[in-house]
PDB file of all heavy atoms in Angstrom:
ATOM      1  N   VAL A   1      -5.149   1.024   9.490  1.00  0.00           N
ATOM      2  CA  VAL A   1      -5.023   2.469   9.676  1.00  0.00           C
ATOM      3  C   VAL A   1      -5.471   3.310   8.488  1.00  0.00           C
ATOM      4  O   VAL A   1      -5.775   4.494   8.650  1.00  0.00           O
ATOM      5  CB  VAL A   1      -3.567   2.860  10.020  1.00  0.00           C
ATOM      6  CG1 VAL A   1      -3.190   2.341  11.406  1.00  0.00           C
ATOM      7  CG2 VAL A   1      -2.603   2.338   8.964  1.00  0.00           C
ATOM      8  N   SER A   2      -5.516   2.735   7.288  1.00  0.00           N
ATOM      9  CA  SER A   2      -5.755   3.605   6.138  1.00  0.00           C
ATOM     10  C   SER A   2      -6.105   2.780   4.911  1.00  0.00           C
ATOM     11  O   SER A   2      -5.898   1.560   4.873  1.00  0.00           O
ATOM     12  CB  SER A   2      -4.499   4.449   5.846  1.00  0.00           C
ATOM     13  OG  SER A   2      -4.702   5.368   4.804  1.00  0.00           O
ATOM     14  N   VAL A   3      -6.665   3.450   3.923  1.00  0.00           N
ATOM     15  CA  VAL A   3      -6.850   2.895   2.588  1.00  0.00           C
ATOM     16  C   VAL A   3      -6.336   3.930   1.595  1.00  0.00           C
ATOM     17  O   VAL A   3      -6.719   5.106   1.669  1.00  0.00           O
ATOM     18  CB  VAL A   3      -8.328   2.572   2.286  1.00  0.00           C
ATOM     19  CG1 VAL A   3      -8.490   2.125   0.840  1.00  0.00           C
ATOM     20  CG2 VAL A   3      -8.848   1.485   3.217  1.00  0.00           C
ATOM     21  N   LEU A   4      -5.463   3.516   0.706  1.00  0.00           N
ATOM     22  CA  LEU A   4      -4.917   4.415  -0.307  1.00  0.00           C
ATOM     23  C   LEU A   4      -5.513   4.068  -1.661  1.00  0.00           C
ATOM     24  O   LEU A   4      -5.664   2.896  -1.999  1.00  0.00           O
ATOM     25  CB  LEU A   4      -3.393   4.294  -0.373  1.00  0.00           C
ATOM     26  CG  LEU A   4      -2.621   4.534   0.918  1.00  0.00           C
ATOM     27  CD1 LEU A   4      -1.130   4.460   0.642  1.00  0.00           C
ATOM     28  CD2 LEU A   4      -2.995   5.857   1.552  1.00  0.00           C
ATOM     29  N   THR A   5      -5.840   5.086  -2.433  1.00  0.00           N
ATOM     30  CA  THR A   5      -6.334   4.884  -3.796  1.00  0.00           C
ATOM     31  C   THR A   5      -5.537   5.771  -4.737  1.00  0.00           C
ATOM     32  O   THR A   5      -5.413   6.970  -4.512  1.00  0.00           O
ATOM     33  CB  THR A   5      -7.831   5.227  -3.900  1.00  0.00           C
ATOM     34  OG1 THR A   5      -8.061   6.538  -3.352  1.00  0.00           O
ATOM     35  CG2 THR A   5      -8.684   4.218  -3.136  1.00  0.00           C
ATOM     36  N   ALA A   6      -4.998   5.168  -5.760  1.00  0.00           N
ATOM     37  CA  ALA A   6      -4.172   5.907  -6.714  1.00  0.00           C
ATOM     38  C   ALA A   6      -4.354   5.299  -8.097  1.00  0.00           C
ATOM     39  O   ALA A   6      -4.753   4.143  -8.238  1.00  0.00           O
ATOM     40  CB  ALA A   6      -2.700   5.857  -6.307  1.00  0.00           C
ATOM     41  N   PHE A   7      -4.079   6.091  -9.117  1.00  0.00           N
ATOM     42  CA  PHE A   7      -4.106   5.597 -10.499  1.00  0.00           C
ATOM     43  C   PHE A   7      -2.690   5.665 -11.019  1.00  0.00           C
ATOM     44  O   PHE A   7      -2.100   6.747 -11.109  1.00  0.00           O
ATOM     45  CB  PHE A   7      -5.042   6.445 -11.361  1.00  0.00           C
ATOM     46  CG  PHE A   7      -5.357   5.820 -12.693  1.00  0.00           C
ATOM     47  CD1 PHE A   7      -6.565   5.183 -12.914  1.00  0.00           C
ATOM     48  CD2 PHE A   7      -4.436   5.856 -13.738  1.00  0.00           C
ATOM     49  CE1 PHE A   7      -6.863   4.584 -14.129  1.00  0.00           C
ATOM     50  CE2 PHE A   7      -4.721   5.278 -14.962  1.00  0.00           C
ATOM     51  CZ  PHE A   7      -5.942   4.637 -15.161  1.00  0.00           C
ATOM     52  N   MET A   8      -2.152   4.497 -11.355  1.00  0.00           N
ATOM     53  CA  MET A   8      -0.763   4.432 -11.792  1.00  0.00           C
ATOM     54  C   MET A   8      -0.657   3.896 -13.215  1.00  0.00           C
ATOM     55  O   MET A   8      -1.441   3.025 -13.617  1.00  0.00           O
ATOM     56  CB  MET A   8       0.039   3.524 -10.845  1.00  0.00           C
ATOM     57  CG  MET A   8       0.119   4.065  -9.431  1.00  0.00           C
ATOM     58  SD  MET A   8       1.047   2.972  -8.319  1.00  0.00           S
ATOM     59  CE  MET A   8      -0.103   1.608  -8.189  1.00  0.00           C
ATOM     60  N   ILE A   9       0.290   4.427 -13.948  1.00  0.00           N
ATOM     61  CA  ILE A   9       0.637   3.897 -15.261  1.00  0.00           C
ATOM     62  C   ILE A   9       2.026   3.292 -15.123  1.00  0.00           C
ATOM     63  O   ILE A   9       2.996   3.995 -14.822  1.00  0.00           O
ATOM     64  CB  ILE A   9       0.607   4.998 -16.336  1.00  0.00           C
ATOM     65  CG1 ILE A   9      -0.808   5.587 -16.448  1.00  0.00           C
ATOM     66  CG2 ILE A   9       1.059   4.447 -17.676  1.00  0.00           C
ATOM     67  CD1 ILE A   9      -0.923   6.748 -17.419  1.00  0.00           C
ATOM     68  N   SER A  10       2.115   1.992 -15.285  1.00  0.00           N
ATOM     69  CA  SER A  10       3.363   1.298 -15.009  1.00  0.00           C
ATOM     70  C   SER A  10       3.593   0.194 -16.026  1.00  0.00           C
ATOM     71  O   SER A  10       2.864   0.080 -17.019  1.00  0.00           O
ATOM     72  CB  SER A  10       3.313   0.704 -13.592  1.00  0.00           C
ATOM     73  OG  SER A  10       2.420  -0.406 -13.547  1.00  0.00           O
ATOM     74  N   GLU A  11       4.585  -0.640 -15.756  1.00  0.00           N
ATOM     75  CA  GLU A  11       4.881  -1.766 -16.640  1.00  0.00           C
ATOM     76  C   GLU A  11       3.719  -2.739 -16.715  1.00  0.00           C
ATOM     77  O   GLU A  11       3.633  -3.549 -17.639  1.00  0.00           O
ATOM     78  CB  GLU A  11       6.132  -2.497 -16.136  1.00  0.00           C
ATOM     79  CG  GLU A  11       5.966  -3.145 -14.774  1.00  0.00           C
ATOM     80  CD  GLU A  11       7.234  -3.804 -14.274  1.00  0.00           C
ATOM     81  OE1 GLU A  11       8.323  -3.209 -14.419  1.00  0.00           O
ATOM     82  OE2 GLU A  11       7.141  -4.924 -13.742  1.00  0.00           O
ATOM     83  N   ARG A  12       2.796  -2.670 -15.759  1.00  0.00           N
ATOM     84  CA  ARG A  12       1.634  -3.560 -15.744  1.00  0.00           C
ATOM     85  C   ARG A  12       0.452  -3.000 -16.514  1.00  0.00           C
ATOM     86  O   ARG A  12      -0.575  -3.656 -16.646  1.00  0.00           O
ATOM     87  CB  ARG A  12       1.212  -3.851 -14.298  1.00  0.00           C
ATOM     88  CG  ARG A  12       2.245  -4.641 -13.507  1.00  0.00           C
ATOM     89  CD  ARG A  12       1.846  -4.749 -12.050  1.00  0.00           C
ATOM     90  NE  ARG A  12       1.831  -3.454 -11.418  1.00  0.00           N
ATOM     91  CZ  ARG A  12       1.181  -3.187 -10.287  1.00  0.00           C
ATOM     92  NH1 ARG A  12       0.467  -4.118  -9.703  1.00  0.00           N
ATOM     93  NH2 ARG A  12       1.232  -1.984  -9.765  1.00  0.00           N
ATOM     94  N   GLY A  13       0.570  -1.760 -17.004  1.00  0.00           N
ATOM     95  CA  GLY A  13      -0.529  -1.127 -17.727  1.00  0.00           C
ATOM     96  C   GLY A  13      -1.126   0.007 -16.922  1.00  0.00           C
ATOM     97  O   GLY A  13      -0.427   0.701 -16.175  1.00  0.00           O
ATOM     98  N   TRP A  14      -2.427   0.215 -17.083  1.00  0.00           N
ATOM     99  CA  TRP A  14      -3.156   1.226 -16.307  1.00  0.00           C
ATOM    100  C   TRP A  14      -3.704   0.550 -15.066  1.00  0.00           C
ATOM    101  O   TRP A  14      -4.451  -0.434 -15.155  1.00  0.00           O
ATOM    102  CB  TRP A  14      -4.300   1.809 -17.125  1.00  0.00           C
ATOM    103  CG  TRP A  14      -3.857   2.642 -18.295  1.00  0.00           C
ATOM    104  CD1 TRP A  14      -2.581   2.979 -18.637  1.00  0.00           C
ATOM    105  CD2 TRP A  14      -4.710   3.260 -19.274  1.00  0.00           C
ATOM    106  NE1 TRP A  14      -2.576   3.758 -19.775  1.00  0.00           N
ATOM    107  CE2 TRP A  14      -3.865   3.947 -20.187  1.00  0.00           C
ATOM    108  CE3 TRP A  14      -6.088   3.292 -19.474  1.00  0.00           C
ATOM    109  CZ2 TRP A  14      -4.371   4.661 -21.272  1.00  0.00           C
ATOM    110  CZ3 TRP A  14      -6.592   3.992 -20.552  1.00  0.00           C
ATOM    111  CH2 TRP A  14      -5.743   4.685 -21.441  1.00  0.00           C
ATOM    112  N   VAL A  15      -3.350   1.087 -13.893  1.00  0.00           N
ATOM    113  CA  VAL A  15      -3.681   0.404 -12.638  1.00  0.00           C
ATOM    114  C   VAL A  15      -4.422   1.347 -11.692  1.00  0.00           C
ATOM    115  O   VAL A  15      -3.804   2.167 -11.008  1.00  0.00           O
ATOM    116  CB  VAL A  15      -2.409  -0.132 -11.945  1.00  0.00           C
ATOM    117  CG1 VAL A  15      -2.785  -0.921 -10.684  1.00  0.00           C
ATOM    118  CG2 VAL A  15      -1.586  -0.992 -12.898  1.00  0.00           C
ATOM    119  N   PRO A  16      -5.772   1.252 -11.624  1.00  0.00           N
ATOM    120  CA  PRO A  16      -6.513   1.946 -10.570  1.00  0.00           C
ATOM    121  C   PRO A  16      -6.362   1.124  -9.284  1.00  0.00           C
ATOM    122  O   PRO A  16      -7.006   0.092  -9.113  1.00  0.00           O
ATOM    123  CB  PRO A  16      -7.960   1.943 -11.068  1.00  0.00           C
ATOM    124  CG  PRO A  16      -7.916   1.370 -12.456  1.00  0.00           C
ATOM    125  CD  PRO A  16      -6.672   0.545 -12.542  1.00  0.00           C
ATOM    126  N   ASP A  17      -5.499   1.580  -8.405  1.00  0.00           N
ATOM    127  CA  ASP A  17      -5.046   0.756  -7.280  1.00  0.00           C
ATOM    128  C   ASP A  17      -5.719   1.150  -5.972  1.00  0.00           C
ATOM    129  O   ASP A  17      -5.931   2.341  -5.703  1.00  0.00           O
ATOM    130  CB  ASP A  17      -3.533   0.894  -7.136  1.00  0.00           C
ATOM    131  CG  ASP A  17      -2.942  -0.130  -6.198  1.00  0.00           C
ATOM    132  OD1 ASP A  17      -3.325  -1.308  -6.293  1.00  0.00           O
ATOM    133  OD2 ASP A  17      -2.095   0.247  -5.364  1.00  0.00           O
ATOM    134  N   THR A  18      -6.027   0.144  -5.159  1.00  0.00           N
ATOM    135  CA  THR A  18      -6.560   0.347  -3.815  1.00  0.00           C
ATOM    136  C   THR A  18      -5.752  -0.518  -2.864  1.00  0.00           C
ATOM    137  O   THR A  18      -5.662  -1.728  -3.053  1.00  0.00           O
ATOM    138  CB  THR A  18      -8.053  -0.037  -3.733  1.00  0.00           C
ATOM    139  OG1 THR A  18      -8.800   0.782  -4.632  1.00  0.00           O
ATOM    140  CG2 THR A  18      -8.593   0.163  -2.320  1.00  0.00           C
ATOM    141  N   GLU A  19      -5.164   0.106  -1.851  1.00  0.00           N
ATOM    142  CA  GLU A  19      -4.320  -0.618  -0.904  1.00  0.00           C
ATOM    143  C   GLU A  19      -4.871  -0.471   0.517  1.00  0.00           C
ATOM    144  O   GLU A  19      -5.111   0.641   0.993  1.00  0.00           O
ATOM    145  CB  GLU A  19      -2.885  -0.090  -0.943  1.00  0.00           C
ATOM    146  CG  GLU A  19      -2.192  -0.219  -2.296  1.00  0.00           C
ATOM    147  CD  GLU A  19      -1.879  -1.660  -2.664  1.00  0.00           C
ATOM    148  OE1 GLU A  19      -1.863  -2.520  -1.750  1.00  0.00           O
ATOM    149  OE2 GLU A  19      -1.655  -1.933  -3.861  1.00  0.00           O
ATOM    150  N   TYR A  20      -5.054  -1.605   1.181  1.00  0.00           N
ATOM    151  CA  TYR A  20      -5.440  -1.620   2.594  1.00  0.00           C
ATOM    152  C   TYR A  20      -4.156  -1.571   3.427  1.00  0.00           C
ATOM    153  O   TYR A  20      -3.279  -2.419   3.262  1.00  0.00           O
ATOM    154  CB  TYR A  20      -6.239  -2.879   2.912  1.00  0.00           C
ATOM    155  CG  TYR A  20      -7.577  -2.933   2.202  1.00  0.00           C
ATOM    156  CD1 TYR A  20      -7.686  -3.476   0.921  1.00  0.00           C
ATOM    157  CD2 TYR A  20      -8.733  -2.435   2.806  1.00  0.00           C
ATOM    158  CE1 TYR A  20      -8.912  -3.518   0.257  1.00  0.00           C
ATOM    159  CE2 TYR A  20      -9.959  -2.473   2.150  1.00  0.00           C
ATOM    160  CZ  TYR A  20     -10.041  -3.018   0.882  1.00  0.00           C
ATOM    161  OH  TYR A  20     -11.251  -3.055   0.229  1.00  0.00           O
ATOM    162  N   ILE A  21      -4.069  -0.586   4.321  1.00  0.00           N
ATOM    163  CA  ILE A  21      -2.817  -0.306   5.020  1.00  0.00           C
ATOM    164  C   ILE A  21      -2.928  -0.649   6.506  1.00  0.00           C
ATOM    165  O   ILE A  21      -3.930  -0.324   7.164  1.00  0.00           O
ATOM    166  CB  ILE A  21      -2.420   1.175   4.875  1.00  0.00           C
ATOM    167  CG1 ILE A  21      -2.522   1.615   3.404  1.00  0.00           C
ATOM    168  CG2 ILE A  21      -1.011   1.406   5.419  1.00  0.00           C
ATOM    169  CD1 ILE A  21      -1.698   0.796   2.451  1.00  0.00           C
ATOM    170  N   TYR A  22      -1.873  -1.263   7.012  1.00  0.00           N
ATOM    171  CA  TYR A  22      -1.798  -1.657   8.413  1.00  0.00           C
ATOM    172  C   TYR A  22      -0.479  -1.175   9.009  1.00  0.00           C
ATOM    173  O   TYR A  22       0.551  -1.163   8.322  1.00  0.00           O
ATOM    174  CB  TYR A  22      -1.877  -3.178   8.557  1.00  0.00           C
ATOM    175  CG  TYR A  22      -3.144  -3.790   8.017  1.00  0.00           C
ATOM    176  CD1 TYR A  22      -3.309  -3.999   6.640  1.00  0.00           C
ATOM    177  CD2 TYR A  22      -4.178  -4.158   8.865  1.00  0.00           C
ATOM    178  CE1 TYR A  22      -4.472  -4.554   6.128  1.00  0.00           C
ATOM    179  CE2 TYR A  22      -5.351  -4.727   8.368  1.00  0.00           C
ATOM    180  CZ  TYR A  22      -5.488  -4.916   7.001  1.00  0.00           C
ATOM    181  OH  TYR A  22      -6.642  -5.467   6.506  1.00  0.00           O
ATOM    182  N   ASP A  23      -0.514  -0.793  10.280  1.00  0.00           N
ATOM    183  CA  ASP A  23       0.706  -0.501  11.029  1.00  0.00           C
ATOM    184  C   ASP A  23       0.978  -1.649  11.985  1.00  0.00           C
ATOM    185  O   ASP A  23       0.045  -2.222  12.572  1.00  0.00           O
ATOM    186  CB  ASP A  23       0.566   0.798  11.827  1.00  0.00           C
ATOM    187  CG  ASP A  23       0.787   2.041  10.977  1.00  0.00           C
ATOM    188  OD1 ASP A  23       1.086   1.905   9.781  1.00  0.00           O
ATOM    189  OD2 ASP A  23       0.638   3.156  11.519  1.00  0.00           O
ATOM    190  N   LEU A  24       2.253  -1.967  12.166  1.00  0.00           N
ATOM    191  CA  LEU A  24       2.651  -3.037  13.072  1.00  0.00           C
ATOM    192  C   LEU A  24       3.886  -2.588  13.845  1.00  0.00           C
ATOM    193  O   LEU A  24       4.981  -2.482  13.298  1.00  0.00           O
ATOM    194  CB  LEU A  24       2.971  -4.316  12.283  1.00  0.00           C
ATOM    195  CG  LEU A  24       3.464  -5.509  13.102  1.00  0.00           C
ATOM    196  CD1 LEU A  24       2.367  -6.009  14.038  1.00  0.00           C
ATOM    197  CD2 LEU A  24       3.934  -6.628  12.181  1.00  0.00           C
ATOM    198  N   GLU A  25       3.688  -2.270  15.127  1.00  0.00           N
ATOM    199  CA  GLU A  25       4.821  -1.926  15.972  1.00  0.00           C
ATOM    200  C   GLU A  25       5.523  -3.202  16.420  1.00  0.00           C
ATOM    201  O   GLU A  25       4.872  -4.151  16.872  1.00  0.00           O
ATOM    202  CB  GLU A  25       4.364  -1.137  17.202  1.00  0.00           C
ATOM    203  CG  GLU A  25       5.515  -0.734  18.113  1.00  0.00           C
ATOM    204  CD  GLU A  25       5.061  -0.036  19.384  1.00  0.00           C
ATOM    205  OE1 GLU A  25       3.845   0.232  19.520  1.00  0.00           O
ATOM    206  OE2 GLU A  25       5.927   0.235  20.243  1.00  0.00           O
ATOM    207  N   VAL A  26       6.830  -3.231  16.269  1.00  0.00           N
ATOM    208  CA  VAL A  26       7.602  -4.393  16.684  1.00  0.00           C
ATOM    209  C   VAL A  26       8.680  -3.963  17.671  1.00  0.00           C
ATOM    210  O   VAL A  26       9.090  -2.804  17.714  1.00  0.00           O
ATOM    211  CB  VAL A  26       8.252  -5.106  15.477  1.00  0.00           C
ATOM    212  CG1 VAL A  26       7.185  -5.659  14.554  1.00  0.00           C
ATOM    213  CG2 VAL A  26       9.192  -4.180  14.720  1.00  0.00           C
ATOM    214  N   ASP A  27       9.139  -4.908  18.468  1.00  0.00           N
ATOM    215  CA  ASP A  27      10.188  -4.661  19.440  1.00  0.00           C
ATOM    216  C   ASP A  27      11.527  -4.476  18.741  1.00  0.00           C
ATOM    217  O   ASP A  27      11.758  -5.024  17.649  1.00  0.00           O
ATOM    218  CB  ASP A  27      10.252  -5.833  20.419  1.00  0.00           C
ATOM    219  CG  ASP A  27      11.194  -5.556  21.575  1.00  0.00           C
ATOM    220  OD1 ASP A  27      10.782  -4.853  22.516  1.00  0.00           O
ATOM    221  OD2 ASP A  27      12.347  -6.040  21.523  1.00  0.00           O
ATOM    222  N   ALA A  28      12.410  -3.735  19.387  1.00  0.00           N
ATOM    223  CA  ALA A  28      13.720  -3.468  18.785  1.00  0.00           C
ATOM    224  C   ALA A  28      14.522  -4.745  18.561  1.00  0.00           C
ATOM    225  O   ALA A  28      15.423  -4.783  17.712  1.00  0.00           O
ATOM    226  CB  ALA A  28      14.502  -2.504  19.669  1.00  0.00           C
ATOM    227  N   SER A  29      14.212  -5.806  19.294  1.00  0.00           N
ATOM    228  CA  SER A  29      14.950  -7.064  19.160  1.00  0.00           C
ATOM    229  C   SER A  29      14.406  -7.958  18.051  1.00  0.00           C
ATOM    230  O   SER A  29      15.006  -8.974  17.712  1.00  0.00           O
ATOM    231  CB  SER A  29      14.903  -7.839  20.481  1.00  0.00           C
ATOM    232  OG  SER A  29      13.564  -8.186  20.808  1.00  0.00           O
ATOM    233  N   PHE A  30      13.268  -7.555  17.455  1.00  0.00           N
ATOM    234  CA  PHE A  30      12.627  -8.376  16.433  1.00  0.00           C
ATOM    235  C   PHE A  30      13.376  -8.310  15.107  1.00  0.00           C
ATOM    236  O   PHE A  30      13.869  -7.249  14.704  1.00  0.00           O
ATOM    237  CB  PHE A  30      11.179  -7.903  16.227  1.00  0.00           C
ATOM    238  CG  PHE A  30      10.533  -8.440  14.984  1.00  0.00           C
ATOM    239  CD1 PHE A  30      10.032  -9.729  14.940  1.00  0.00           C
ATOM    240  CD2 PHE A  30      10.435  -7.657  13.835  1.00  0.00           C
ATOM    241  CE1 PHE A  30       9.445 -10.236  13.794  1.00  0.00           C
ATOM    242  CE2 PHE A  30       9.840  -8.151  12.683  1.00  0.00           C
ATOM    243  CZ  PHE A  30       9.343  -9.442  12.668  1.00  0.00           C
TER     244      PHE A  30
END
């Protein structure tokens, strides 16, 4: 559904991050 790109400064250092995003609908009983 999406790709996110962000620049984060964290405990890991400087992180130019790219995340591939997925949606997953599940049943209420799952």
